[in-house]
Amino acid sequence: MSGNLLHRSRIVTREQVIQALVAGRSVLDVGCVDHTTASMQRADWLHGFITRHASSVLGVDLCEAGVAQMNANGYQAVCGDATTMEFNRAFDVVVAGELIEHLENPGSFLTNMRQRLVPRGRIVLTTPTPFWPKYSLQVLARGRVGINPEHVMWFCPVTLEALLARCGYVDVQIYFSNRTKRWLGIGGLPSALRRWFCTNLIAVARRAGP
């Protein structure tokens, strides 16, 4: 990890980071269905949150049933593969919430998304962190980690920044986020340690070049 990137990392909510970036901007939300159509009923459904703050939002997902349901509910979504899709417009922000760990070719995805951004546009990635102590305890107790069977890789702050840099992004900022409040009352721990008790990483990066 470059310089003092980790030192600058803060614990935030996913919504804090994303709201600040998408407010009043055009957004491409990749993986918008969020696993199943049932996700749309949740209060924390990410696409619904983005739609409330952005000036315009287009969703992309491989789930045909989910995309159809979204369009029936008044959202704008298309079905396709985000590693290869092309659009007739560029976006201010690309959001990919808990997606990159599902992809066979994350580098191809990031390169394609860079081409879908306006000059100086930004990408936001969220992904589970492999350092959550629950996973370490599972390895000690059972010799393996119980994760979503659709996940094919892990990312830590170092590897996530390195991949973004290789794919044409700069000004990488890494944040730590908790998707659960049930872990050991981490608020009383030193800030440097609290980061490693978080469940998720958030990476924000700017498209390099003009």
N, C-alpha and C. Protein backbone atom coordinates (compact mmCIF):
# COMPACT_ATOMS: atom_id res chain seq x y z
N MET A 1 0.84 -1.18 0.00
CA MET A 1 0.00 0.00 0.00
C MET A 1 0.88 1.24 0.00
N SER A 2 0.50 2.18 -0.80
CA SER A 2 1.35 3.35 -0.98
C SER A 2 1.29 4.28 0.23
N GLY A 3 2.45 4.87 0.54
CA GLY A 3 2.54 5.95 1.52
C GLY A 3 1.76 5.69 2.79
N ASN A 4 0.90 6.64 3.13
CA ASN A 4 0.16 6.53 4.38
C ASN A 4 -1.32 6.28 4.12
N LEU A 5 -1.63 5.54 3.05
CA LEU A 5 -3.03 5.29 2.71
C LEU A 5 -3.77 4.63 3.86
N LEU A 6 -3.17 3.58 4.43
CA LEU A 6 -3.85 2.89 5.51
C LEU A 6 -3.99 3.78 6.73
N HIS A 7 -2.99 4.61 6.99
CA HIS A 7 -3.05 5.53 8.13
C HIS A 7 -4.24 6.48 7.99
N ARG A 8 -4.56 6.87 6.75
CA ARG A 8 -5.66 7.80 6.53
C ARG A 8 -7.02 7.10 6.55
N SER A 9 -7.04 5.78 6.49
CA SER A 9 -8.28 5.04 6.40
C SER A 9 -9.13 5.27 7.64
N ARG A 10 -10.42 5.42 7.42
CA ARG A 10 -11.35 5.68 8.52
C ARG A 10 -12.46 4.63 8.51
N ILE A 11 -13.12 4.47 9.65
CA ILE A 11 -14.28 3.59 9.72
C ILE A 11 -15.52 4.44 9.45
N VAL A 12 -16.25 4.06 8.43
CA VAL A 12 -17.42 4.82 8.00
C VAL A 12 -18.53 3.84 7.65
N THR A 13 -19.71 4.35 7.35
CA THR A 13 -20.76 3.51 6.79
C THR A 13 -20.70 3.59 5.28
N ARG A 14 -21.16 2.55 4.64
CA ARG A 14 -21.21 2.53 3.18
C ARG A 14 -22.04 3.71 2.66
N GLU A 15 -23.12 4.00 3.35
CA GLU A 15 -24.00 5.07 2.91
C GLU A 15 -23.34 6.44 3.00
N GLN A 16 -22.52 6.67 4.02
CA GLN A 16 -21.82 7.95 4.15
C GLN A 16 -20.96 8.24 2.93
N VAL A 17 -20.17 7.27 2.55
CA VAL A 17 -19.25 7.44 1.43
C VAL A 17 -20.01 7.60 0.12
N ILE A 18 -20.96 6.71 -0.11
CA ILE A 18 -21.65 6.71 -1.40
C ILE A 18 -22.53 7.94 -1.55
N GLN A 19 -23.23 8.35 -0.50
CA GLN A 19 -24.08 9.53 -0.63
C GLN A 19 -23.28 10.76 -1.03
N ALA A 20 -22.12 10.95 -0.42
CA ALA A 20 -21.30 12.12 -0.73
C ALA A 20 -20.84 12.11 -2.18
N LEU A 21 -20.61 10.93 -2.74
CA LEU A 21 -20.09 10.84 -4.10
C LEU A 21 -21.17 10.91 -5.16
N VAL A 22 -22.36 10.39 -4.89
CA VAL A 22 -23.39 10.31 -5.93
C VAL A 22 -24.35 11.49 -5.92
N ALA A 23 -24.37 12.29 -4.87
CA ALA A 23 -25.36 13.36 -4.75
C ALA A 23 -25.33 14.29 -5.95
N GLY A 24 -26.44 14.36 -6.67
CA GLY A 24 -26.56 15.26 -7.81
C GLY A 24 -25.81 14.82 -9.05
N ARG A 25 -25.33 13.56 -9.10
CA ARG A 25 -24.51 13.10 -10.21
C ARG A 25 -25.17 11.93 -10.94
N SER A 26 -24.66 11.66 -12.14
CA SER A 26 -25.13 10.50 -12.90
C SER A 26 -24.35 9.27 -12.44
N VAL A 27 -25.07 8.16 -12.24
CA VAL A 27 -24.48 6.98 -11.62
C VAL A 27 -24.80 5.73 -12.43
N LEU A 28 -23.80 4.87 -12.57
CA LEU A 28 -23.98 3.52 -13.07
C LEU A 28 -23.82 2.58 -11.88
N ASP A 29 -24.89 1.88 -11.52
CA ASP A 29 -24.87 0.98 -10.37
C ASP A 29 -24.77 -0.46 -10.88
N VAL A 30 -23.62 -1.08 -10.67
CA VAL A 30 -23.34 -2.40 -11.20
C VAL A 30 -23.62 -3.46 -10.13
N GLY A 31 -24.36 -4.48 -10.51
CA GLY A 31 -24.82 -5.46 -9.53
C GLY A 31 -26.00 -4.93 -8.75
N CYS A 32 -26.86 -4.19 -9.44
CA CYS A 32 -27.91 -3.42 -8.78
C CYS A 32 -28.98 -4.27 -8.10
N VAL A 33 -29.22 -5.49 -8.59
CA VAL A 33 -30.26 -6.32 -7.99
C VAL A 33 -29.88 -6.74 -6.58
N ASP A 34 -28.58 -6.96 -6.35
CA ASP A 34 -28.09 -7.36 -5.02
C ASP A 34 -28.57 -8.77 -4.68
N HIS A 35 -28.17 -9.74 -5.50
CA HIS A 35 -28.40 -11.17 -5.29
C HIS A 35 -29.80 -11.63 -5.72
N THR A 36 -30.86 -11.14 -5.08
CA THR A 36 -32.20 -11.63 -5.41
C THR A 36 -33.19 -10.47 -5.41
N THR A 37 -34.36 -10.73 -6.00
CA THR A 37 -35.40 -9.69 -6.03
C THR A 37 -35.87 -9.33 -4.63
N ALA A 38 -35.69 -10.23 -3.67
CA ALA A 38 -36.10 -9.94 -2.29
C ALA A 38 -35.30 -8.79 -1.70
N SER A 39 -34.11 -8.55 -2.24
CA SER A 39 -33.28 -7.46 -1.73
C SER A 39 -33.97 -6.11 -1.88
N MET A 40 -34.81 -5.98 -2.89
CA MET A 40 -35.48 -4.71 -3.15
C MET A 40 -36.43 -4.30 -2.04
N GLN A 41 -36.82 -5.26 -1.21
CA GLN A 41 -37.73 -4.97 -0.11
C GLN A 41 -37.01 -4.49 1.14
N ARG A 42 -35.67 -4.58 1.15
CA ARG A 42 -34.93 -4.20 2.34
C ARG A 42 -34.72 -2.69 2.42
N ALA A 43 -34.72 -2.17 3.62
CA ALA A 43 -34.52 -0.73 3.81
C ALA A 43 -33.12 -0.30 3.38
N ASP A 44 -32.14 -1.23 3.44
CA ASP A 44 -30.77 -0.87 3.08
C ASP A 44 -30.41 -1.27 1.65
N TRP A 45 -31.40 -1.53 0.80
CA TRP A 45 -31.12 -1.88 -0.59
C TRP A 45 -30.33 -0.73 -1.24
N LEU A 46 -29.15 -1.03 -1.73
CA LEU A 46 -28.22 0.01 -2.16
C LEU A 46 -28.75 0.80 -3.36
N HIS A 47 -29.34 0.13 -4.33
CA HIS A 47 -29.81 0.86 -5.51
C HIS A 47 -30.89 1.88 -5.14
N GLY A 48 -31.79 1.48 -4.24
CA GLY A 48 -32.80 2.42 -3.80
C GLY A 48 -32.20 3.63 -3.11
N PHE A 49 -31.17 3.39 -2.31
CA PHE A 49 -30.48 4.49 -1.63
C PHE A 49 -29.83 5.43 -2.64
N ILE A 50 -29.14 4.88 -3.63
CA ILE A 50 -28.48 5.71 -4.64
C ILE A 50 -29.50 6.53 -5.39
N THR A 51 -30.61 5.91 -5.75
CA THR A 51 -31.64 6.60 -6.53
C THR A 51 -32.18 7.82 -5.80
N ARG A 52 -32.24 7.74 -4.49
CA ARG A 52 -32.77 8.87 -3.71
C ARG A 52 -31.84 10.07 -3.69
N HIS A 53 -30.57 9.88 -4.06
CA HIS A 53 -29.60 10.97 -3.93
C HIS A 53 -28.99 11.42 -5.26
N ALA A 54 -28.91 10.53 -6.24
CA ALA A 54 -28.27 10.88 -7.51
C ALA A 54 -29.24 11.61 -8.44
N SER A 55 -28.68 12.30 -9.42
CA SER A 55 -29.53 12.98 -10.40
C SER A 55 -30.11 11.99 -11.40
N SER A 56 -29.36 10.93 -11.74
CA SER A 56 -29.85 9.86 -12.61
C SER A 56 -29.08 8.59 -12.29
N VAL A 57 -29.75 7.45 -12.42
CA VAL A 57 -29.13 6.17 -12.10
C VAL A 57 -29.55 5.13 -13.13
N LEU A 58 -28.56 4.41 -13.64
CA LEU A 58 -28.81 3.24 -14.48
C LEU A 58 -28.23 2.04 -13.77
N GLY A 59 -29.04 1.00 -13.60
CA GLY A 59 -28.58 -0.22 -12.97
C GLY A 59 -28.20 -1.26 -14.00
N VAL A 60 -27.22 -2.10 -13.66
CA VAL A 60 -26.78 -3.20 -14.51
C VAL A 60 -26.69 -4.46 -13.65
N ASP A 61 -27.21 -5.58 -14.19
CA ASP A 61 -27.11 -6.83 -13.46
C ASP A 61 -27.31 -8.00 -14.43
N LEU A 62 -26.75 -9.14 -14.08
CA LEU A 62 -26.93 -10.35 -14.88
C LEU A 62 -28.27 -11.04 -14.62
N CYS A 63 -28.91 -10.69 -13.51
CA CYS A 63 -30.15 -11.35 -13.11
C CYS A 63 -31.33 -10.79 -13.92
N GLU A 64 -31.80 -11.56 -14.90
CA GLU A 64 -32.88 -11.08 -15.77
C GLU A 64 -34.15 -10.82 -15.00
N ALA A 65 -34.51 -11.72 -14.09
CA ALA A 65 -35.74 -11.53 -13.32
C ALA A 65 -35.66 -10.28 -12.45
N GLY A 66 -34.50 -10.05 -11.86
CA GLY A 66 -34.33 -8.87 -11.03
C GLY A 66 -34.41 -7.58 -11.82
N VAL A 67 -33.76 -7.55 -12.97
CA VAL A 67 -33.80 -6.37 -13.83
C VAL A 67 -35.23 -6.09 -14.28
N ALA A 68 -35.95 -7.15 -14.66
CA ALA A 68 -37.35 -6.97 -15.09
C ALA A 68 -38.20 -6.41 -13.95
N GLN A 69 -37.98 -6.92 -12.74
CA GLN A 69 -38.74 -6.42 -11.59
C GLN A 69 -38.40 -4.97 -11.29
N MET A 70 -37.14 -4.61 -11.41
CA MET A 70 -36.75 -3.23 -11.18
C MET A 70 -37.42 -2.28 -12.17
N ASN A 71 -37.40 -2.65 -13.44
CA ASN A 71 -38.04 -1.80 -14.44
C ASN A 71 -39.55 -1.71 -14.21
N ALA A 72 -40.16 -2.81 -13.79
CA ALA A 72 -41.59 -2.79 -13.48
C ALA A 72 -41.90 -1.88 -12.31
N ASN A 73 -40.92 -1.72 -11.42
CA ASN A 73 -41.09 -0.86 -10.24
C ASN A 73 -40.69 0.59 -10.49
N GLY A 74 -40.34 0.92 -11.74
CA GLY A 74 -40.04 2.30 -12.08
C GLY A 74 -38.58 2.67 -12.10
N TYR A 75 -37.69 1.73 -11.81
CA TYR A 75 -36.26 1.99 -11.90
C TYR A 75 -35.79 1.78 -13.34
N GLN A 76 -34.58 2.24 -13.63
CA GLN A 76 -33.99 2.02 -14.94
C GLN A 76 -32.84 1.04 -14.80
N ALA A 77 -32.97 -0.11 -15.45
CA ALA A 77 -31.96 -1.15 -15.33
C ALA A 77 -31.87 -1.94 -16.62
N VAL A 78 -30.68 -2.45 -16.89
CA VAL A 78 -30.45 -3.29 -18.06
C VAL A 78 -29.73 -4.55 -17.62
N CYS A 79 -29.91 -5.61 -18.41
CA CYS A 79 -29.28 -6.88 -18.11
C CYS A 79 -28.04 -7.05 -18.98
N GLY A 80 -26.91 -7.39 -18.37
CA GLY A 80 -25.70 -7.56 -19.15
C GLY A 80 -24.50 -7.83 -18.29
N ASP A 81 -23.39 -8.11 -18.97
CA ASP A 81 -22.11 -8.42 -18.33
C ASP A 81 -21.28 -7.15 -18.23
N ALA A 82 -21.03 -6.71 -17.01
CA ALA A 82 -20.34 -5.43 -16.80
C ALA A 82 -18.88 -5.47 -17.20
N THR A 83 -18.32 -6.65 -17.45
CA THR A 83 -16.92 -6.71 -17.90
C THR A 83 -16.79 -6.37 -19.38
N THR A 84 -17.90 -6.41 -20.12
CA THR A 84 -17.84 -6.17 -21.57
C THR A 84 -18.85 -5.15 -22.07
N MET A 85 -19.82 -4.77 -21.28
CA MET A 85 -20.91 -3.91 -21.75
C MET A 85 -20.41 -2.55 -22.21
N GLU A 86 -21.08 -2.01 -23.22
CA GLU A 86 -20.83 -0.65 -23.69
C GLU A 86 -22.11 0.16 -23.54
N PHE A 87 -21.95 1.47 -23.39
CA PHE A 87 -23.10 2.36 -23.23
C PHE A 87 -22.92 3.55 -24.15
N ASN A 88 -24.01 4.20 -24.48
CA ASN A 88 -23.92 5.37 -25.35
C ASN A 88 -23.76 6.66 -24.58
N ARG A 89 -23.31 6.53 -23.34
CA ARG A 89 -23.08 7.70 -22.49
C ARG A 89 -22.03 7.35 -21.46
N ALA A 90 -21.50 8.37 -20.81
CA ALA A 90 -20.54 8.18 -19.72
C ALA A 90 -21.19 8.67 -18.42
N PHE A 91 -20.65 8.22 -17.31
CA PHE A 91 -21.25 8.48 -16.00
C PHE A 91 -20.24 9.19 -15.09
N ASP A 92 -20.78 9.97 -14.16
CA ASP A 92 -19.93 10.64 -13.17
C ASP A 92 -19.34 9.65 -12.17
N VAL A 93 -20.15 8.66 -11.81
CA VAL A 93 -19.76 7.71 -10.77
C VAL A 93 -20.21 6.30 -11.16
N VAL A 94 -19.34 5.33 -10.93
CA VAL A 94 -19.71 3.91 -11.02
C VAL A 94 -19.69 3.36 -9.60
N VAL A 95 -20.77 2.69 -9.21
CA VAL A 95 -20.85 2.04 -7.90
C VAL A 95 -20.96 0.53 -8.11
N ALA A 96 -20.14 -0.22 -7.39
CA ALA A 96 -20.21 -1.68 -7.41
C ALA A 96 -20.19 -2.18 -5.98
N GLY A 97 -21.36 -2.41 -5.42
CA GLY A 97 -21.48 -2.83 -4.03
C GLY A 97 -21.43 -4.33 -3.88
N GLU A 98 -20.43 -4.83 -3.14
CA GLU A 98 -20.26 -6.27 -2.90
C GLU A 98 -20.38 -7.06 -4.20
N LEU A 99 -19.62 -6.64 -5.20
CA LEU A 99 -19.65 -7.29 -6.51
C LEU A 99 -18.32 -7.90 -6.91
N ILE A 100 -17.22 -7.18 -6.69
CA ILE A 100 -15.95 -7.57 -7.29
C ILE A 100 -15.48 -8.95 -6.83
N GLU A 101 -15.89 -9.36 -5.63
CA GLU A 101 -15.49 -10.68 -5.14
C GLU A 101 -16.22 -11.82 -5.86
N HIS A 102 -17.24 -11.49 -6.67
CA HIS A 102 -17.98 -12.48 -7.44
C HIS A 102 -17.41 -12.68 -8.84
N LEU A 103 -16.55 -11.80 -9.30
CA LEU A 103 -16.18 -11.75 -10.71
C LEU A 103 -15.00 -12.66 -11.05
N GLU A 104 -15.08 -13.30 -12.20
CA GLU A 104 -13.98 -14.12 -12.68
C GLU A 104 -12.81 -13.26 -13.17
N ASN A 105 -13.14 -12.08 -13.70
CA ASN A 105 -12.12 -11.20 -14.28
C ASN A 105 -12.27 -9.78 -13.73
N PRO A 106 -11.86 -9.55 -12.48
CA PRO A 106 -12.05 -8.21 -11.90
C PRO A 106 -11.27 -7.13 -12.62
N GLY A 107 -10.10 -7.47 -13.18
CA GLY A 107 -9.33 -6.48 -13.92
C GLY A 107 -10.06 -6.02 -15.17
N SER A 108 -10.67 -6.96 -15.89
CA SER A 108 -11.44 -6.61 -17.07
C SER A 108 -12.63 -5.72 -16.71
N PHE A 109 -13.25 -6.04 -15.58
CA PHE A 109 -14.37 -5.22 -15.11
C PHE A 109 -13.92 -3.79 -14.83
N LEU A 110 -12.83 -3.63 -14.09
CA LEU A 110 -12.37 -2.28 -13.74
C LEU A 110 -11.93 -1.50 -14.98
N THR A 111 -11.29 -2.17 -15.92
CA THR A 111 -10.88 -1.50 -17.15
C THR A 111 -12.09 -1.04 -17.95
N ASN A 112 -13.10 -1.89 -18.03
CA ASN A 112 -14.31 -1.51 -18.76
C ASN A 112 -15.03 -0.36 -18.06
N MET A 113 -15.09 -0.40 -16.74
CA MET A 113 -15.77 0.67 -16.02
C MET A 113 -15.02 2.00 -16.15
N ARG A 114 -13.71 1.94 -16.23
CA ARG A 114 -12.95 3.17 -16.45
C ARG A 114 -13.38 3.84 -17.74
N GLN A 115 -13.66 3.07 -18.77
CA GLN A 115 -14.09 3.61 -20.04
C GLN A 115 -15.51 4.14 -20.00
N ARG A 116 -16.25 3.79 -18.98
CA ARG A 116 -17.64 4.28 -18.85
C ARG A 116 -17.73 5.53 -17.99
N LEU A 117 -16.60 6.00 -17.47
CA LEU A 117 -16.58 7.19 -16.62
C LEU A 117 -16.24 8.44 -17.42
N VAL A 118 -16.80 9.56 -17.01
CA VAL A 118 -16.41 10.84 -17.57
C VAL A 118 -14.99 11.15 -17.11
N PRO A 119 -14.29 12.07 -17.76
CA PRO A 119 -12.98 12.48 -17.25
C PRO A 119 -13.06 12.87 -15.77
N ARG A 120 -12.15 12.33 -14.98
CA ARG A 120 -12.09 12.55 -13.53
C ARG A 120 -13.28 11.92 -12.80
N GLY A 121 -14.01 11.05 -13.49
CA GLY A 121 -15.08 10.32 -12.82
C GLY A 121 -14.52 9.35 -11.79
N ARG A 122 -15.38 8.90 -10.88
CA ARG A 122 -14.92 8.05 -9.79
C ARG A 122 -15.67 6.72 -9.74
N ILE A 123 -14.96 5.72 -9.24
CA ILE A 123 -15.55 4.41 -9.00
C ILE A 123 -15.56 4.14 -7.51
N VAL A 124 -16.61 3.48 -7.03
CA VAL A 124 -16.74 3.10 -5.62
C VAL A 124 -16.94 1.59 -5.56
N LEU A 125 -16.08 0.91 -4.84
CA LEU A 125 -16.17 -0.53 -4.67
C LEU A 125 -16.36 -0.85 -3.20
N THR A 126 -17.23 -1.78 -2.89
CA THR A 126 -17.30 -2.30 -1.53
C THR A 126 -17.14 -3.81 -1.61
N THR A 127 -16.46 -4.38 -0.63
CA THR A 127 -16.18 -5.82 -0.65
C THR A 127 -15.87 -6.29 0.76
N PRO A 128 -16.19 -7.54 1.08
CA PRO A 128 -15.84 -8.06 2.41
C PRO A 128 -14.33 -8.08 2.62
N THR A 129 -13.93 -7.87 3.85
CA THR A 129 -12.50 -7.95 4.18
C THR A 129 -12.16 -9.33 4.72
N PRO A 130 -11.03 -9.91 4.30
CA PRO A 130 -10.65 -11.23 4.80
C PRO A 130 -10.15 -11.20 6.23
N PHE A 131 -9.98 -10.01 6.81
CA PHE A 131 -9.39 -9.91 8.14
C PHE A 131 -10.41 -9.85 9.26
N TRP A 132 -11.69 -9.93 8.95
CA TRP A 132 -12.69 -9.92 10.00
C TRP A 132 -12.42 -11.10 10.94
N PRO A 133 -12.27 -10.86 12.24
CA PRO A 133 -11.88 -11.94 13.16
C PRO A 133 -12.81 -13.15 13.13
N LYS A 134 -14.06 -12.96 12.78
CA LYS A 134 -14.96 -14.10 12.69
C LYS A 134 -14.40 -15.15 11.73
N TYR A 135 -13.82 -14.71 10.61
CA TYR A 135 -13.27 -15.65 9.65
C TYR A 135 -12.05 -16.37 10.22
N SER A 136 -11.21 -15.64 10.94
CA SER A 136 -10.04 -16.27 11.55
C SER A 136 -10.46 -17.34 12.55
N LEU A 137 -11.49 -17.05 13.33
CA LEU A 137 -11.96 -18.03 14.31
C LEU A 137 -12.55 -19.26 13.62
N GLN A 138 -13.22 -19.05 12.48
CA GLN A 138 -13.76 -20.18 11.74
C GLN A 138 -12.65 -21.08 11.21
N VAL A 139 -11.54 -20.47 10.76
CA VAL A 139 -10.41 -21.26 10.29
C VAL A 139 -9.83 -22.08 11.44
N LEU A 140 -9.68 -21.46 12.61
CA LEU A 140 -9.12 -22.18 13.75
C LEU A 140 -10.04 -23.30 14.21
N ALA A 141 -11.35 -23.05 14.15
CA ALA A 141 -12.29 -24.03 14.68
C ALA A 141 -12.62 -25.13 13.68
N ARG A 142 -12.71 -24.76 12.39
CA ARG A 142 -13.20 -25.73 11.41
C ARG A 142 -12.25 -25.97 10.24
N GLY A 143 -11.18 -25.16 10.17
CA GLY A 143 -10.23 -25.32 9.07
C GLY A 143 -10.67 -24.68 7.78
N ARG A 144 -11.75 -23.94 7.79
CA ARG A 144 -12.24 -23.27 6.59
C ARG A 144 -13.14 -22.11 6.99
N VAL A 145 -13.41 -21.23 6.04
CA VAL A 145 -14.25 -20.06 6.27
C VAL A 145 -15.60 -20.28 5.60
N GLY A 146 -16.66 -19.97 6.32
CA GLY A 146 -17.99 -20.08 5.75
C GLY A 146 -18.39 -18.77 5.07
N ILE A 147 -18.29 -18.74 3.74
CA ILE A 147 -18.62 -17.54 2.99
C ILE A 147 -19.65 -17.86 1.91
N ASN A 148 -20.14 -16.84 1.26
CA ASN A 148 -21.05 -17.00 0.13
C ASN A 148 -20.37 -17.88 -0.93
N PRO A 149 -20.99 -18.97 -1.35
CA PRO A 149 -20.35 -19.85 -2.32
C PRO A 149 -20.13 -19.21 -3.68
N GLU A 150 -20.74 -18.04 -3.92
CA GLU A 150 -20.52 -17.34 -5.18
C GLU A 150 -19.26 -16.48 -5.16
N HIS A 151 -18.64 -16.32 -4.01
CA HIS A 151 -17.41 -15.53 -3.91
C HIS A 151 -16.24 -16.36 -4.43
N VAL A 152 -15.39 -15.72 -5.25
CA VAL A 152 -14.26 -16.44 -5.83
C VAL A 152 -12.91 -15.84 -5.44
N MET A 153 -12.91 -14.76 -4.67
CA MET A 153 -11.64 -14.16 -4.26
C MET A 153 -11.84 -13.21 -3.09
N TRP A 154 -10.71 -12.89 -2.41
CA TRP A 154 -10.66 -11.89 -1.35
C TRP A 154 -9.85 -10.69 -1.84
N PHE A 155 -10.12 -9.54 -1.24
CA PHE A 155 -9.27 -8.37 -1.45
C PHE A 155 -8.95 -7.75 -0.09
N CYS A 156 -7.69 -7.36 0.09
CA CYS A 156 -7.29 -6.56 1.23
C CYS A 156 -6.98 -5.15 0.72
N PRO A 157 -6.74 -4.18 1.60
CA PRO A 157 -6.44 -2.83 1.11
C PRO A 157 -5.27 -2.77 0.13
N VAL A 158 -4.24 -3.57 0.36
CA VAL A 158 -3.06 -3.54 -0.50
C VAL A 158 -3.38 -4.04 -1.90
N THR A 159 -4.03 -5.20 -1.99
CA THR A 159 -4.31 -5.78 -3.30
C THR A 159 -5.37 -4.98 -4.05
N LEU A 160 -6.32 -4.41 -3.33
CA LEU A 160 -7.36 -3.63 -3.99
C LEU A 160 -6.79 -2.36 -4.60
N GLU A 161 -5.90 -1.68 -3.85
CA GLU A 161 -5.26 -0.49 -4.40
C GLU A 161 -4.39 -0.84 -5.60
N ALA A 162 -3.64 -1.95 -5.51
CA ALA A 162 -2.76 -2.36 -6.60
C ALA A 162 -3.54 -2.66 -7.87
N LEU A 163 -4.67 -3.34 -7.73
CA LEU A 163 -5.48 -3.67 -8.90
C LEU A 163 -6.07 -2.42 -9.53
N LEU A 164 -6.55 -1.50 -8.72
CA LEU A 164 -7.09 -0.25 -9.25
C LEU A 164 -6.02 0.53 -10.01
N ALA A 165 -4.82 0.58 -9.47
CA ALA A 165 -3.73 1.30 -10.14
C ALA A 165 -3.40 0.65 -11.48
N ARG A 166 -3.36 -0.66 -11.53
CA ARG A 166 -3.06 -1.35 -12.79
C ARG A 166 -4.12 -1.10 -13.86
N CYS A 167 -5.32 -0.84 -13.41
CA CYS A 167 -6.44 -0.70 -14.35
C CYS A 167 -6.75 0.76 -14.67
N GLY A 168 -5.84 1.69 -14.31
CA GLY A 168 -5.98 3.06 -14.74
C GLY A 168 -6.70 4.00 -13.80
N TYR A 169 -6.56 3.75 -12.49
CA TYR A 169 -7.19 4.61 -11.49
C TYR A 169 -6.12 5.23 -10.58
N VAL A 170 -6.42 6.41 -10.07
CA VAL A 170 -5.51 7.11 -9.16
C VAL A 170 -6.31 7.64 -7.98
N ASP A 171 -5.58 8.29 -7.05
CA ASP A 171 -6.22 8.89 -5.86
C ASP A 171 -7.07 7.89 -5.09
N VAL A 172 -6.52 6.71 -4.86
CA VAL A 172 -7.27 5.66 -4.18
C VAL A 172 -7.41 5.99 -2.69
N GLN A 173 -8.62 5.88 -2.20
CA GLN A 173 -8.89 6.02 -0.77
C GLN A 173 -9.56 4.74 -0.29
N ILE A 174 -9.07 4.20 0.82
CA ILE A 174 -9.64 2.99 1.39
C ILE A 174 -10.32 3.33 2.71
N TYR A 175 -11.53 2.85 2.88
CA TYR A 175 -12.28 3.02 4.12
C TYR A 175 -12.66 1.65 4.66
N PHE A 176 -12.87 1.59 5.96
CA PHE A 176 -13.34 0.37 6.59
C PHE A 176 -14.78 0.58 7.04
N SER A 177 -15.58 -0.47 6.91
CA SER A 177 -17.01 -0.34 7.19
C SER A 177 -17.50 -1.59 7.89
N ASN A 178 -18.51 -1.43 8.73
CA ASN A 178 -19.11 -2.55 9.43
C ASN A 178 -20.52 -2.78 8.93
N ARG A 179 -20.81 -4.01 8.50
CA ARG A 179 -22.17 -4.38 8.11
C ARG A 179 -22.93 -4.99 9.29
N THR A 180 -22.29 -5.13 10.43
CA THR A 180 -22.95 -5.67 11.61
C THR A 180 -22.49 -4.90 12.84
N LYS A 181 -23.36 -4.79 13.84
CA LYS A 181 -23.01 -4.11 15.09
C LYS A 181 -22.81 -5.12 16.22
N ARG A 182 -22.67 -6.38 15.87
CA ARG A 182 -22.67 -7.41 16.91
C ARG A 182 -21.28 -7.89 17.29
N TRP A 183 -20.20 -7.23 16.78
CA TRP A 183 -18.87 -7.81 16.98
C TRP A 183 -18.10 -7.16 18.12
N LEU A 184 -18.20 -7.73 19.29
CA LEU A 184 -17.28 -7.45 20.40
C LEU A 184 -17.28 -6.02 20.93
N GLY A 185 -18.26 -5.21 20.58
CA GLY A 185 -18.25 -3.85 21.07
C GLY A 185 -16.99 -3.12 20.72
N ILE A 186 -16.65 -3.08 19.44
CA ILE A 186 -15.34 -2.60 19.02
C ILE A 186 -15.13 -1.11 19.25
N GLY A 187 -16.17 -0.40 19.61
CA GLY A 187 -16.00 1.04 19.80
C GLY A 187 -14.97 1.40 20.86
N GLY A 188 -14.72 0.50 21.81
CA GLY A 188 -13.76 0.80 22.86
C GLY A 188 -12.33 0.45 22.52
N LEU A 189 -12.10 -0.13 21.35
CA LEU A 189 -10.75 -0.50 20.96
C LEU A 189 -10.01 0.67 20.33
N PRO A 190 -8.68 0.67 20.33
CA PRO A 190 -7.92 1.71 19.63
C PRO A 190 -8.30 1.73 18.15
N SER A 191 -8.27 2.93 17.54
CA SER A 191 -8.76 3.08 16.17
C SER A 191 -8.02 2.18 15.18
N ALA A 192 -6.69 2.02 15.35
CA ALA A 192 -5.93 1.20 14.42
C ALA A 192 -6.39 -0.26 14.48
N LEU A 193 -6.78 -0.72 15.67
CA LEU A 193 -7.25 -2.09 15.81
C LEU A 193 -8.69 -2.24 15.36
N ARG A 194 -9.50 -1.22 15.61
CA ARG A 194 -10.91 -1.30 15.22
C ARG A 194 -11.07 -1.54 13.73
N ARG A 195 -10.15 -0.98 12.91
CA ARG A 195 -10.25 -1.17 11.46
C ARG A 195 -10.24 -2.65 11.08
N TRP A 196 -9.43 -3.41 11.78
CA TRP A 196 -9.29 -4.82 11.43
C TRP A 196 -10.41 -5.68 12.00
N PHE A 197 -11.30 -5.08 12.78
CA PHE A 197 -12.48 -5.79 13.24
C PHE A 197 -13.69 -5.47 12.36
N CYS A 198 -13.48 -4.69 11.31
CA CYS A 198 -14.58 -4.32 10.41
C CYS A 198 -14.84 -5.43 9.40
N THR A 199 -16.05 -5.46 8.89
CA THR A 199 -16.47 -6.54 8.00
C THR A 199 -16.20 -6.24 6.53
N ASN A 200 -16.13 -4.97 6.16
CA ASN A 200 -16.05 -4.62 4.74
C ASN A 200 -15.03 -3.53 4.47
N LEU A 201 -14.55 -3.50 3.24
CA LEU A 201 -13.71 -2.43 2.72
C LEU A 201 -14.51 -1.61 1.72
N ILE A 202 -14.22 -0.31 1.67
CA ILE A 202 -14.75 0.57 0.63
C ILE A 202 -13.57 1.24 -0.04
N ALA A 203 -13.49 1.13 -1.35
CA ALA A 203 -12.44 1.79 -2.12
C ALA A 203 -13.06 2.82 -3.05
N VAL A 204 -12.49 4.02 -3.04
CA VAL A 204 -12.91 5.09 -3.95
C VAL A 204 -11.68 5.49 -4.76
N ALA A 205 -11.81 5.57 -6.08
CA ALA A 205 -10.69 5.91 -6.93
C ALA A 205 -11.17 6.76 -8.10
N ARG A 206 -10.25 7.57 -8.62
CA ARG A 206 -10.57 8.45 -9.74
C ARG A 206 -9.99 7.88 -11.03
N ARG A 207 -10.73 8.03 -12.10
CA ARG A 207 -10.22 7.64 -13.41
C ARG A 207 -8.99 8.48 -13.72
N ALA A 208 -7.89 7.84 -14.11
CA ALA A 208 -6.68 8.55 -14.48
C ALA A 208 -6.80 9.14 -15.87
N GLY A 209 -6.00 10.18 -16.12
CA GLY A 209 -5.94 10.76 -17.46
C GLY A 209 -7.07 11.72 -17.73
N PRO A 210 -7.17 12.16 -19.00
CA PRO A 210 -8.19 13.15 -19.36
C PRO A 210 -9.59 12.55 -19.36
